[in-house]
């Protein structure tokens, strides 16, 4: 019978954590994935070179220098940011 109590405690705590994890906090607005911005905005693609991005979108508003190994840099445009590893586009991300 003693072995049953720890099992009951774990089951009770575990189920309450699952319920709490699925409910959004009060006052929080949930935005479904892929609905955060205007998807008609043309952005660089993964694998584009910095030169290709410059030719297609012009000079960025801001260039954040590379950090880390491998070096990751960022260019900020009005509607999106582009992340580079060395000279190659990793991701382009829409701004809010």
Protein backbone atom coordinates (compact mmCIF):
# COMPACT_ATOMS: atom_id res chain seq x y z
CA UNK A 1 0.00 0.00 0.00
CA UNK A 2 2.89 2.39 0.75
CA UNK A 3 4.14 2.14 -2.85
CA UNK A 4 0.74 3.35 -4.07
CA UNK A 5 0.95 6.82 -2.43
CA UNK A 6 4.03 8.11 -4.32
CA UNK A 7 2.48 6.86 -7.54
CA UNK A 8 -0.77 8.69 -6.76
CA UNK A 9 1.14 11.87 -5.93
CA UNK A 10 3.10 11.76 -9.20
CA UNK A 11 -0.07 11.11 -11.22
CA UNK A 12 -1.92 14.00 -9.54
CA UNK A 13 0.93 16.49 -9.96
CA UNK A 14 1.61 15.37 -13.51
CA UNK A 15 -1.99 15.80 -14.61
CA UNK A 16 -2.20 19.29 -13.08
CA UNK A 17 0.97 20.33 -14.94
CA UNK A 18 -0.45 19.10 -18.24
CA UNK A 19 -3.69 21.07 -17.70
CA UNK A 20 -1.77 24.23 -16.79
CA UNK A 21 0.55 23.87 -19.79
CA UNK A 22 -2.35 23.77 -22.25
CA UNK A 23 -4.17 26.86 -20.97
CA UNK A 24 -2.82 30.26 -22.09
CA UNK A 25 -2.12 32.77 -19.31
CA UNK A 26 -4.86 35.32 -18.68
CA UNK A 27 -4.62 38.41 -20.89
CA UNK A 28 -2.33 36.75 -23.43
CA UNK A 29 -3.27 36.89 -27.11
CA UNK A 30 -2.37 33.81 -29.09
CA UNK A 31 -1.53 34.22 -32.78
CA UNK A 32 -1.46 30.99 -34.78
CA UNK A 33 1.85 30.13 -36.44
CA UNK A 34 2.18 31.48 -40.00
CA UNK A 35 -0.35 34.25 -39.30
CA UNK A 36 2.01 36.74 -37.66
CA UNK A 37 2.57 39.03 -40.62
CA UNK A 38 2.00 39.96 -44.21
CA UNK A 39 3.05 36.97 -46.28
CA UNK A 40 2.97 38.95 -49.51
CA UNK A 41 6.24 40.61 -48.45
CA UNK A 42 9.06 39.39 -50.71
CA UNK A 43 12.06 38.26 -48.65
CA UNK A 44 15.44 36.61 -49.31
CA UNK A 45 15.54 32.82 -49.47
CA UNK A 46 17.76 30.40 -47.59
CA UNK A 47 21.05 30.10 -49.46
CA UNK A 48 21.02 33.56 -51.09
CA UNK A 49 24.37 35.36 -50.98
CA UNK A 50 24.77 38.81 -49.42
CA UNK A 51 25.36 40.18 -52.92
CA UNK A 52 22.07 38.67 -54.15
CA UNK A 53 20.23 40.21 -51.18
CA UNK A 54 21.83 43.62 -51.86
CA UNK A 55 20.86 43.48 -55.53
CA UNK A 56 17.27 42.44 -54.79
CA UNK A 57 16.51 44.59 -51.72
CA UNK A 58 19.11 47.37 -51.64
CA UNK A 59 21.10 48.58 -48.67
CA UNK A 60 19.67 47.55 -45.28
CA UNK A 61 18.67 50.16 -42.69
CA UNK A 62 21.14 48.58 -40.26
CA UNK A 63 23.92 45.98 -40.43
CA UNK A 64 24.64 44.14 -37.19
CA UNK A 65 28.22 42.78 -37.18
CA UNK A 66 28.90 39.05 -37.05
CA UNK A 67 29.31 37.29 -33.70
CA UNK A 68 30.17 33.76 -32.65
CA UNK A 69 31.52 30.72 -34.43
CA UNK A 70 30.36 30.31 -37.13
CA UNK A 71 29.95 34.07 -37.57
CA UNK A 72 26.27 35.09 -37.67
CA UNK A 73 25.35 38.60 -38.80
CA UNK A 74 22.03 40.38 -39.35
CA UNK A 75 20.75 42.97 -41.78
CA UNK A 76 17.62 44.89 -40.82
CA UNK A 77 15.22 46.13 -43.48
CA UNK A 78 11.94 47.99 -42.95
CA UNK A 79 9.70 44.90 -42.94
CA UNK A 80 12.11 42.03 -42.20
CA UNK A 81 15.54 41.01 -40.92
CA UNK A 82 17.97 38.69 -42.68
CA UNK A 83 20.38 36.42 -40.80
CA UNK A 84 23.61 35.32 -42.48
CA UNK A 85 26.22 32.71 -41.72
CA UNK A 86 29.37 34.11 -43.32
CA UNK A 87 28.04 35.21 -46.74
CA UNK A 88 24.96 32.94 -46.98
CA UNK A 89 21.35 33.65 -45.92
CA UNK A 90 20.16 31.41 -43.11
CA UNK A 91 16.72 32.94 -42.45
CA UNK A 92 14.63 35.99 -43.25
CA UNK A 93 12.15 36.96 -40.54
CA UNK A 94 9.17 39.34 -40.79
CA UNK A 95 9.01 42.14 -38.21
CA UNK A 96 5.88 42.68 -36.13
